[in-house]
C-alpha atoms as a PDB file:
ATOM      1  CA  UNK A   1     198.059 103.608 164.984  1.00  0.00           C
ATOM      2  CA  UNK A   2     196.465 105.798 162.338  1.00  0.00           C
ATOM      3  CA  UNK A   3     193.679 107.737 164.068  1.00  0.00           C
ATOM      4  CA  UNK A   4     190.866 106.070 162.114  1.00  0.00           C
ATOM      5  CA  UNK A   5     189.094 104.312 165.019  1.00  0.00           C
ATOM      6  CA  UNK A   6     186.885 107.229 165.973  1.00  0.00           C
ATOM      7  CA  UNK A   7     183.274 107.194 167.148  1.00  0.00           C
ATOM      8  CA  UNK A   8     180.582 108.787 165.030  1.00  0.00           C
ATOM      9  CA  UNK A   9     179.495 111.719 167.193  1.00  0.00           C
ATOM     10  CA  UNK A  10     175.977 111.901 165.793  1.00  0.00           C
ATOM     11  CA  UNK A  11     175.269 108.359 167.005  1.00  0.00           C
ATOM     12  CA  UNK A  12     176.178 109.130 170.625  1.00  0.00           C
ATOM     13  CA  UNK A  13     174.049 110.603 173.351  1.00  0.00           C
ATOM     14  CA  UNK A  14     175.510 113.528 175.289  1.00  0.00           C
ATOM     15  CA  UNK A  15     176.280 111.215 178.220  1.00  0.00           C
ATOM     16  CA  UNK A  16     178.059 108.722 175.962  1.00  0.00           C
ATOM     17  CA  UNK A  17     180.053 111.492 174.303  1.00  0.00           C
ATOM     18  CA  UNK A  18     181.181 112.811 177.689  1.00  0.00           C
ATOM     19  CA  UNK A  19     182.268 109.281 178.696  1.00  0.00           C
ATOM     20  CA  UNK A  20     184.217 109.027 175.449  1.00  0.00           C
ATOM     21  CA  UNK A  21     186.031 112.302 176.084  1.00  0.00           C
ATOM     22  CA  UNK A  22     186.682 111.416 179.735  1.00  0.00           C
ATOM     23  CA  UNK A  23     188.309 108.117 178.688  1.00  0.00           C
ATOM     24  CA  UNK A  24     190.522 110.024 176.239  1.00  0.00           C
ATOM     25  CA  UNK A  25     191.559 112.500 178.916  1.00  0.00           C
ATOM     26  CA  UNK A  26     192.188 109.642 181.345  1.00  0.00           C
ATOM     27  CA  UNK A  27     194.714 108.051 178.978  1.00  0.00           C
ATOM     28  CA  UNK A  28     196.320 111.459 178.420  1.00  0.00           C
ATOM     29  CA  UNK A  29     196.663 111.882 182.183  1.00  0.00           C
ATOM     30  CA  UNK A  30     198.346 108.473 182.471  1.00  0.00           C
ATOM     31  CA  UNK A  31     200.795 109.396 179.729  1.00  0.00           C
ATOM     32  CA  UNK A  32     201.780 112.616 181.483  1.00  0.00           C
ATOM     33  CA  UNK A  33     202.054 111.043 184.921  1.00  0.00           C
ATOM     34  CA  UNK A  34     204.117 108.166 183.598  1.00  0.00           C
ATOM     35  CA  UNK A  35     206.810 110.485 182.335  1.00  0.00           C
ATOM     36  CA  UNK A  36     205.721 111.519 178.850  1.00  0.00           C
ATOM     37  CA  UNK A  37     206.325 115.259 178.620  1.00  0.00           C
ATOM     38  CA  UNK A  38     203.440 115.757 176.245  1.00  0.00           C
ATOM     39  CA  UNK A  39     200.625 113.242 176.214  1.00  0.00           C
ATOM     40  CA  UNK A  40     199.778 114.294 172.671  1.00  0.00           C
ATOM     41  CA  UNK A  41     202.982 112.678 171.359  1.00  0.00           C
ATOM     42  CA  UNK A  42     201.512 109.226 171.940  1.00  0.00           C
ATOM     43  CA  UNK A  43     197.770 109.920 172.271  1.00  0.00           C
ATOM     44  CA  UNK A  44     195.017 109.063 169.790  1.00  0.00           C
ATOM     45  CA  UNK A  45     191.400 107.985 169.789  1.00  0.00           C
ATOM     46  CA  UNK A  46     192.601 104.592 168.543  1.00  0.00           C
ATOM     47  CA  UNK A  47     193.877 104.024 172.091  1.00  0.00           C
ATOM     48  CA  UNK A  48     190.453 104.981 173.437  1.00  0.00           C
ATOM     49  CA  UNK A  49     188.939 102.275 171.243  1.00  0.00           C
ATOM     50  CA  UNK A  50     191.351  99.738 172.739  1.00  0.00           C
ATOM     51  CA  UNK A  51     190.380 101.006 176.212  1.00  0.00           C
ATOM     52  CA  UNK A  52     186.669 100.708 175.406  1.00  0.00           C
ATOM     53  CA  UNK A  53     186.957  97.125 174.180  1.00  0.00           C
ATOM     54  CA  UNK A  54     188.974  95.903 177.170  1.00  0.00           C
ATOM     55  CA  UNK A  55     186.935  97.888 179.691  1.00  0.00           C
ATOM     56  CA  UNK A  56     183.700  96.513 178.282  1.00  0.00           C
ATOM     57  CA  UNK A  57     185.017  92.955 178.209  1.00  0.00           C
ATOM     58  CA  UNK A  58     186.351  92.881 181.776  1.00  0.00           C
ATOM     59  CA  UNK A  59     184.490  95.726 183.532  1.00  0.00           C
ATOM     60  CA  UNK A  60     187.257  96.594 186.030  1.00  0.00           C
ATOM     61  CA  UNK A  61     186.775  99.012 188.895  1.00  0.00           C
ATOM     62  CA  UNK A  62     186.675 102.586 187.625  1.00  0.00           C
ATOM     63  CA  UNK A  63     186.953 106.036 189.097  1.00  0.00           C
ATOM     64  CA  UNK A  64     185.871 109.429 187.816  1.00  0.00           C
ATOM     65  CA  UNK A  65     187.822 112.495 188.876  1.00  0.00           C
ATOM     66  CA  UNK A  66     188.489 116.017 187.649  1.00  0.00           C
ATOM     67  CA  UNK A  67     192.036 117.139 186.935  1.00  0.00           C
ATOM     68  CA  UNK A  68     193.736 120.285 185.711  1.00  0.00           C
ATOM     69  CA  UNK A  69     196.192 119.940 182.869  1.00  0.00           C
ATOM     70  CA  UNK A  70     198.001 122.133 180.302  1.00  0.00           C
ATOM     71  CA  UNK A  71     194.913 122.079 178.079  1.00  0.00           C
ATOM     72  CA  UNK A  72     192.488 122.760 180.977  1.00  0.00           C
ATOM     73  CA  UNK A  73     194.623 124.706 183.488  1.00  0.00           C
ATOM     74  CA  UNK A  74     191.842 126.499 185.374  1.00  0.00           C
ATOM     75  CA  UNK A  75     188.585 124.563 185.486  1.00  0.00           C
ATOM     76  CA  UNK A  76     189.997 121.096 185.012  1.00  0.00           C
ATOM     77  CA  UNK A  77     188.508 118.262 182.981  1.00  0.00           C
ATOM     78  CA  UNK A  78     186.697 114.998 183.844  1.00  0.00           C
ATOM     79  CA  UNK A  79     188.767 111.809 183.712  1.00  0.00           C
ATOM     80  CA  UNK A  80     187.493 108.235 183.480  1.00  0.00           C
ATOM     81  CA  UNK A  81     190.162 105.846 184.762  1.00  0.00           C
ATOM     82  CA  UNK A  82     190.710 102.121 185.260  1.00  0.00           C
ATOM     83  CA  UNK A  83     193.630  99.713 184.901  1.00  0.00           C
ATOM     84  CA  UNK A  84     193.292  99.768 181.126  1.00  0.00           C
ATOM     85  CA  UNK A  85     193.994 103.519 181.069  1.00  0.00           C
ATOM     86  CA  UNK A  86     197.606 102.766 182.000  1.00  0.00           C
ATOM     87  CA  UNK A  87     197.710  99.847 179.568  1.00  0.00           C
ATOM     88  CA  UNK A  88     196.450 101.978 176.664  1.00  0.00           C
ATOM     89  CA  UNK A  89     198.995 104.663 177.570  1.00  0.00           C
ATOM     90  CA  UNK A  90     201.798 102.075 177.554  1.00  0.00           C
ATOM     91  CA  UNK A  91     200.691 100.792 174.148  1.00  0.00           C
ATOM     92  CA  UNK A  92     200.637 104.363 172.880  1.00  0.00           C
ATOM     93  CA  UNK A  93     204.220 104.900 174.061  1.00  0.00           C
ATOM     94  CA  UNK A  94     205.497 101.845 172.187  1.00  0.00           C
ATOM     95  CA  UNK A  95     203.674 102.665 168.961  1.00  0.00           C
ATOM     96  CA  UNK A  96     204.613 106.355 169.059  1.00  0.00           C
ATOM     97  CA  UNK A  97     208.285 105.527 169.591  1.00  0.00           C
ATOM     98  CA  UNK A  98     208.438 103.221 166.572  1.00  0.00           C
ATOM     99  CA  UNK A  99     206.465 105.730 164.478  1.00  0.00           C
ATOM    100  CA  UNK A 100     208.891 108.520 165.381  1.00  0.00           C
ATOM    101  CA  UNK A 101     211.886 106.292 164.564  1.00  0.00           C
ATOM    102  CA  UNK A 102     210.315 105.295 161.250  1.00  0.00           C
ATOM    103  CA  UNK A 103     209.620 108.910 160.298  1.00  0.00           C
ATOM    104  CA  UNK A 104     213.196 109.855 161.187  1.00  0.00           C
ATOM    105  CA  UNK A 105     214.609 107.037 159.052  1.00  0.00           C
ATOM    106  CA  UNK A 106     212.335 107.935 156.132  1.00  0.00           C
ATOM    107  CA  UNK A 107     212.551 111.718 156.080  1.00  0.00           C
ATOM    108  CA  UNK A 108     215.332 112.662 158.533  1.00  0.00           C
ATOM    109  CA  UNK A 109     212.667 114.761 160.278  1.00  0.00           C
ATOM    110  CA  UNK A 110     214.413 116.354 163.263  1.00  0.00           C
ATOM    111  CA  UNK A 111     211.123 116.830 165.119  1.00  0.00           C
ATOM    112  CA  UNK A 112     210.526 113.093 164.938  1.00  0.00           C
ATOM    113  CA  UNK A 113     214.077 112.381 166.103  1.00  0.00           C
ATOM    114  CA  UNK A 114     213.410 114.646 169.088  1.00  0.00           C
ATOM    115  CA  UNK A 115     210.099 112.876 169.778  1.00  0.00           C
ATOM    116  CA  UNK A 116     211.839 109.489 169.780  1.00  0.00           C
ATOM    117  CA  UNK A 117     214.405 110.853 172.218  1.00  0.00           C
ATOM    118  CA  UNK A 118     211.672 112.116 174.543  1.00  0.00           C
ATOM    119  CA  UNK A 119     209.956 108.735 174.448  1.00  0.00           C
ATOM    120  CA  UNK A 120     213.007 106.486 174.665  1.00  0.00           C
ATOM    121  CA  UNK A 121     213.313 106.040 178.444  1.00  0.00           C
ATOM    122  CA  UNK A 122     209.606 105.456 178.856  1.00  0.00           C
ATOM    123  CA  UNK A 123     209.608 103.127 175.840  1.00  0.00           C
ATOM    124  CA  UNK A 124     212.329 100.973 177.389  1.00  0.00           C
ATOM    125  CA  UNK A 125     210.441 100.779 180.698  1.00  0.00           C
ATOM    126  CA  UNK A 126     207.181  99.827 178.982  1.00  0.00           C
ATOM    127  CA  UNK A 127     208.960  97.198 176.864  1.00  0.00           C
ATOM    128  CA  UNK A 128     210.174  95.506 180.036  1.00  0.00           C
ATOM    129  CA  UNK A 129     206.703  95.732 181.548  1.00  0.00           C
ATOM    130  CA  UNK A 130     204.943  94.300 178.463  1.00  0.00           C
ATOM    131  CA  UNK A 131     207.485  91.912 176.885  1.00  0.00           C
ATOM    132  CA  UNK A 132     205.016  89.888 174.788  1.00  0.00           C
ATOM    133  CA  UNK A 133     203.501  92.973 173.218  1.00  0.00           C
ATOM    134  CA  UNK A 134     206.916  94.598 172.781  1.00  0.00           C
ATOM    135  CA  UNK A 135     208.322  91.563 170.959  1.00  0.00           C
ATOM    136  CA  UNK A 136     205.272  91.395 168.688  1.00  0.00           C
ATOM    137  CA  UNK A 137     205.566  95.069 167.761  1.00  0.00           C
ATOM    138  CA  UNK A 138     209.286  94.781 167.043  1.00  0.00           C
ATOM    139  CA  UNK A 139     208.921  91.615 164.966  1.00  0.00           C
ATOM    140  CA  UNK A 140     205.997  92.781 162.878  1.00  0.00           C
ATOM    141  CA  UNK A 141     207.336  96.284 162.300  1.00  0.00           C
ATOM    142  CA  UNK A 142     210.573  94.639 161.171  1.00  0.00           C
ATOM    143  CA  UNK A 143     208.661  92.538 158.648  1.00  0.00           C
ATOM    144  CA  UNK A 144     206.646  95.510 157.438  1.00  0.00           C
ATOM    145  CA  UNK A 145     209.799  97.627 157.096  1.00  0.00           C
ATOM    146  CA  UNK A 146     211.542  94.908 155.078  1.00  0.00           C
ATOM    147  CA  UNK A 147     208.583  94.621 152.708  1.00  0.00           C
ATOM    148  CA  UNK A 148     208.294  98.382 152.339  1.00  0.00           C
ATOM    149  CA  UNK A 149     212.031  98.828 151.771  1.00  0.00           C
ATOM    150  CA  UNK A 150     211.885  96.237 148.999  1.00  0.00           C
ATOM    151  CA  UNK A 151     208.928  98.170 147.521  1.00  0.00           C
ATOM    152  CA  UNK A 152     206.763  95.085 147.800  1.00  0.00           C
ATOM    153  CA  UNK A 153     203.312  94.967 146.261  1.00  0.00           C
ATOM    154  CA  UNK A 154     202.289  92.084 148.533  1.00  0.00           C
ATOM    155  CA  UNK A 155     199.361  93.876 150.153  1.00  0.00           C
ATOM    156  CA  UNK A 156     198.138  90.763 151.949  1.00  0.00           C
ATOM    157  CA  UNK A 157     201.495  90.220 153.671  1.00  0.00           C
ATOM    158  CA  UNK A 158     201.672  93.854 154.797  1.00  0.00           C
ATOM    159  CA  UNK A 159     198.107  93.883 156.100  1.00  0.00           C
ATOM    160  CA  UNK A 160     198.579  90.552 157.861  1.00  0.00           C
ATOM    161  CA  UNK A 161     201.750  91.740 159.609  1.00  0.00           C
ATOM    162  CA  UNK A 162     200.055  94.822 160.981  1.00  0.00           C
ATOM    163  CA  UNK A 163     197.100  92.633 161.919  1.00  0.00           C
ATOM    164  CA  UNK A 164     199.348  90.327 163.954  1.00  0.00           C
ATOM    165  CA  UNK A 165     200.874  93.346 165.662  1.00  0.00           C
ATOM    166  CA  UNK A 166     197.522  94.781 166.683  1.00  0.00           C
ATOM    167  CA  UNK A 167     196.137  91.389 167.625  1.00  0.00           C
ATOM    168  CA  UNK A 168     198.725  91.049 170.387  1.00  0.00           C
ATOM    169  CA  UNK A 169     197.934  94.517 171.713  1.00  0.00           C
ATOM    170  CA  UNK A 170     194.249  93.664 172.115  1.00  0.00           C
ATOM    171  CA  UNK A 171     195.210  90.667 174.267  1.00  0.00           C
ATOM    172  CA  UNK A 172     195.694  92.068 177.761  1.00  0.00           C
ATOM    173  CA  UNK A 173     196.145  88.667 179.411  1.00  0.00           C
ATOM    174  CA  UNK A 174     197.174  85.702 177.293  1.00  0.00           C
ATOM    175  CA  UNK A 175     196.049  83.034 179.756  1.00  0.00           C
ATOM    176  CA  UNK A 176     192.307  83.601 179.785  1.00  0.00           C
ATOM    177  CA  UNK A 177     189.279  82.469 177.801  1.00  0.00           C
ATOM    178  CA  UNK A 178     188.729  85.571 175.676  1.00  0.00           C
ATOM    179  CA  UNK A 179     192.345  86.000 174.527  1.00  0.00           C
ATOM    180  CA  UNK A 180     191.743  84.106 171.279  1.00  0.00           C
ATOM    181  CA  UNK A 181     188.704  86.186 170.354  1.00  0.00           C
ATOM    182  CA  UNK A 182     190.364  89.483 171.240  1.00  0.00           C
ATOM    183  CA  UNK A 183     193.410  88.523 169.162  1.00  0.00           C
ATOM    184  CA  UNK A 184     191.236  87.665 166.151  1.00  0.00           C
ATOM    185  CA  UNK A 185     189.343  90.927 166.506  1.00  0.00           C
ATOM    186  CA  UNK A 186     192.561  92.940 166.831  1.00  0.00           C
ATOM    187  CA  UNK A 187     194.044  91.215 163.785  1.00  0.00           C
ATOM    188  CA  UNK A 188     190.963  92.096 161.719  1.00  0.00           C
ATOM    189  CA  UNK A 189     191.172  95.718 162.851  1.00  0.00           C
ATOM    190  CA  UNK A 190     194.895  95.830 162.029  1.00  0.00           C
ATOM    191  CA  UNK A 191     194.424  94.500 158.505  1.00  0.00           C
ATOM    192  CA  UNK A 192     191.744  97.108 157.889  1.00  0.00           C
ATOM    193  CA  UNK A 193     193.872  99.948 159.263  1.00  0.00           C
ATOM    194  CA  UNK A 194     196.914  99.166 157.114  1.00  0.00           C
ATOM    195  CA  UNK A 195     194.891  98.826 153.922  1.00  0.00           C
ATOM    196  CA  UNK A 196     192.796 101.926 154.586  1.00  0.00           C
ATOM    197  CA  UNK A 197     195.931 103.962 155.264  1.00  0.00           C
ATOM    198  CA  UNK A 198     197.386 102.837 151.920  1.00  0.00           C
ATOM    199  CA  UNK A 199     194.149 103.845 150.183  1.00  0.00           C
ATOM    200  CA  UNK A 200     194.033 107.210 151.984  1.00  0.00           C
ATOM    201  CA  UNK A 201     197.663 107.986 151.063  1.00  0.00           C
ATOM    202  CA  UNK A 202     197.555 106.679 147.496  1.00  0.00           C
ATOM    203  CA  UNK A 203     196.648 109.896 145.701  1.00  0.00           C
ATOM    204  CA  UNK A 204     199.379 111.924 147.421  1.00  0.00           C
ATOM    205  CA  UNK A 205     201.925 109.114 147.129  1.00  0.00           C
ATOM    206  CA  UNK A 206     201.337 108.878 143.385  1.00  0.00           C
ATOM    207  CA  UNK A 207     201.699 112.652 143.012  1.00  0.00           C
ATOM    208  CA  UNK A 208     204.955 112.700 145.006  1.00  0.00           C
ATOM    209  CA  UNK A 209     206.325 109.448 143.564  1.00  0.00           C
ATOM    210  CA  UNK A 210     206.469 107.818 147.003  1.00  0.00           C
ATOM    211  CA  UNK A 211     206.182 104.141 147.827  1.00  0.00           C
ATOM    212  CA  UNK A 212     202.703 102.770 148.342  1.00  0.00           C
ATOM    213  CA  UNK A 213     201.960  99.030 148.122  1.00  0.00           C
ATOM    214  CA  UNK A 214     198.946  99.782 145.943  1.00  0.00           C
ATOM    215  CA  UNK A 215     201.262 101.466 143.429  1.00  0.00           C
ATOM    216  CA  UNK A 216     203.411  98.342 143.232  1.00  0.00           C
ATOM    217  CA  UNK A 217     200.521  95.932 142.718  1.00  0.00           C
ATOM    218  CA  UNK A 218     199.102  95.368 139.251  1.00  0.00           C
ATOM    219  CA  UNK A 219     195.560  96.308 138.231  1.00  0.00           C
ATOM    220  CA  UNK A 220     194.472  97.684 141.584  1.00  0.00           C
ATOM    221  CA  UNK A 221     191.314  99.440 140.487  1.00  0.00           C
ATOM    222  CA  UNK A 222     189.076 101.838 142.381  1.00  0.00           C
ATOM    223  CA  UNK A 223     186.555  99.036 142.680  1.00  0.00           C
ATOM    224  CA  UNK A 224     189.167  96.670 144.120  1.00  0.00           C
ATOM    225  CA  UNK A 225     190.201  99.213 146.724  1.00  0.00           C
ATOM    226  CA  UNK A 226     186.628  99.793 147.881  1.00  0.00           C
ATOM    227  CA  UNK A 227     185.776  96.093 147.902  1.00  0.00           C
ATOM    228  CA  UNK A 228     188.959  95.168 149.809  1.00  0.00           C
ATOM    229  CA  UNK A 229     188.345  97.787 152.507  1.00  0.00           C
ATOM    230  CA  UNK A 230     184.728  96.704 152.807  1.00  0.00           C
ATOM    231  CA  UNK A 231     185.814  93.050 153.069  1.00  0.00           C
ATOM    232  CA  UNK A 232     188.053  93.896 156.023  1.00  0.00           C
ATOM    233  CA  UNK A 233     185.229  95.882 157.599  1.00  0.00           C
ATOM    234  CA  UNK A 234     183.097  92.760 157.275  1.00  0.00           C
ATOM    235  CA  UNK A 235     185.787  90.723 159.067  1.00  0.00           C
ATOM    236  CA  UNK A 236     185.810  93.264 161.896  1.00  0.00           C
ATOM    237  CA  UNK A 237     182.032  93.071 162.269  1.00  0.00           C
ATOM    238  CA  UNK A 238     182.124  89.262 162.221  1.00  0.00           C
ATOM    239  CA  UNK A 239     184.821  88.914 164.874  1.00  0.00           C
ATOM    240  CA  UNK A 240     183.252  91.678 166.965  1.00  0.00           C
ATOM    241  CA  UNK A 241     180.095  89.607 167.336  1.00  0.00           C
ATOM    242  CA  UNK A 242     182.053  87.056 169.408  1.00  0.00           C
ATOM    243  CA  UNK A 243     183.027  89.631 172.033  1.00  0.00           C
ATOM    244  CA  UNK A 244     180.571  89.889 174.952  1.00  0.00           C
ATOM    245  CA  UNK A 245     180.713  93.666 175.177  1.00  0.00           C
ATOM    246  CA  UNK A 246     177.955  95.290 177.224  1.00  0.00           C
ATOM    247  CA  UNK A 247     179.341  98.310 179.031  1.00  0.00           C
ATOM    248  CA  UNK A 248     180.181 101.091 176.578  1.00  0.00           C
ATOM    249  CA  UNK A 249     178.662  99.030 173.765  1.00  0.00           C
ATOM    250  CA  UNK A 250     176.843 102.054 172.226  1.00  0.00           C
ATOM    251  CA  UNK A 251     180.158 103.890 171.881  1.00  0.00           C
ATOM    252  CA  UNK A 252     181.947 100.822 170.526  1.00  0.00           C
ATOM    253  CA  UNK A 253     179.103 100.184 168.071  1.00  0.00           C
ATOM    254  CA  UNK A 254     179.429 103.775 166.901  1.00  0.00           C
ATOM    255  CA  UNK A 255     183.077 103.117 166.023  1.00  0.00           C
ATOM    256  CA  UNK A 256     182.628  99.667 164.466  1.00  0.00           C
ATOM    257  CA  UNK A 257     179.430 100.233 162.489  1.00  0.00           C
ATOM    258  CA  UNK A 258     179.690 103.914 161.620  1.00  0.00           C
ATOM    259  CA  UNK A 259     182.977 105.607 162.540  1.00  0.00           C
ATOM    260  CA  UNK A 260     185.143 103.115 160.639  1.00  0.00           C
ATOM    261  CA  UNK A 261     183.108 103.477 157.443  1.00  0.00           C
ATOM    262  CA  UNK A 262     182.955 107.254 157.676  1.00  0.00           C
ATOM    263  CA  UNK A 263     186.609 107.684 156.662  1.00  0.00           C
ATOM    264  CA  UNK A 264     186.085 105.540 153.571  1.00  0.00           C
ATOM    265  CA  UNK A 265     182.979 107.550 152.660  1.00  0.00           C
ATOM    266  CA  UNK A 266     184.880 110.825 153.033  1.00  0.00           C
ATOM    267  CA  UNK A 267     187.776 109.821 150.803  1.00  0.00           C
ATOM    268  CA  UNK A 268     185.369 108.299 148.273  1.00  0.00           C
ATOM    269  CA  UNK A 269     183.362 111.525 148.120  1.00  0.00           C
ATOM    270  CA  UNK A 270     186.551 113.585 147.762  1.00  0.00           C
ATOM    271  CA  UNK A 271     187.734 111.382 144.927  1.00  0.00           C
ATOM    272  CA  UNK A 272     190.819 110.304 146.865  1.00  0.00           C
ATOM    273  CA  UNK A 273     190.220 106.673 145.924  1.00  0.00           C
ATOM    274  CA  UNK A 274     191.837 106.664 142.510  1.00  0.00           C
ATOM    275  CA  UNK A 275     191.938 104.245 139.651  1.00  0.00           C
ATOM    276  CA  UNK A 276     195.420 102.798 139.452  1.00  0.00           C
ATOM    277  CA  UNK A 277     194.910 100.505 136.504  1.00  0.00           C
ATOM    278  CA  UNK A 278     197.505 100.829 133.739  1.00  0.00           C
END
């Protein structure tokens, strides 16, 4: 993922913020214990958002412990753990592996090649454990790669492919009532993430003459970029309303209604949304 699904700290109480951090550290712990040398290779707050949604929907049994780690070797740090901590860690492994492979193919970055090698055994184990999600990631990344390699300006197709990818990851169990609603929500989030990332990268991509789907499309104005991102944010809000989230809802609300818009506000204020009209 892209690291954009972050809570707005100022909208959280101290207790909520500590829960948020403890969930993050719980996923990191699962990554390390499941054989990932460095949890940071695959860790992001996007995974915490996935954890929050599923934990709030299903409210599984949880435990809170304190654990020492490379970042907190003496005092230790609080962890908040449930079955979705392992699931989020597994999702992170799959996404990080494909990201490292993609970066290696694009830039021949040796650090990324090394990261893919570190992740490979764990990636293969997770792919066997989560075949539906693994197939969806592989298929949709293949479609995205083909469009990007052809320098496509079909923004809708690119956003929809990443939406389908993320939609499957938000579905923990396919054979239950809420699977449809979680898939629709995940798809909306995925479309937003892909488009926002293109908008965020556009200024640098133009300067370095790199591919960006917004560069390939005709008459993509500053206004279009803002309106398109805001439209996808509206889809997220609409599909979110169908999810019966209660537990952790203040933290989730902080991401959906404030954290997601904050990135757009920052790049707008910096002037990173540029006018690409000829």
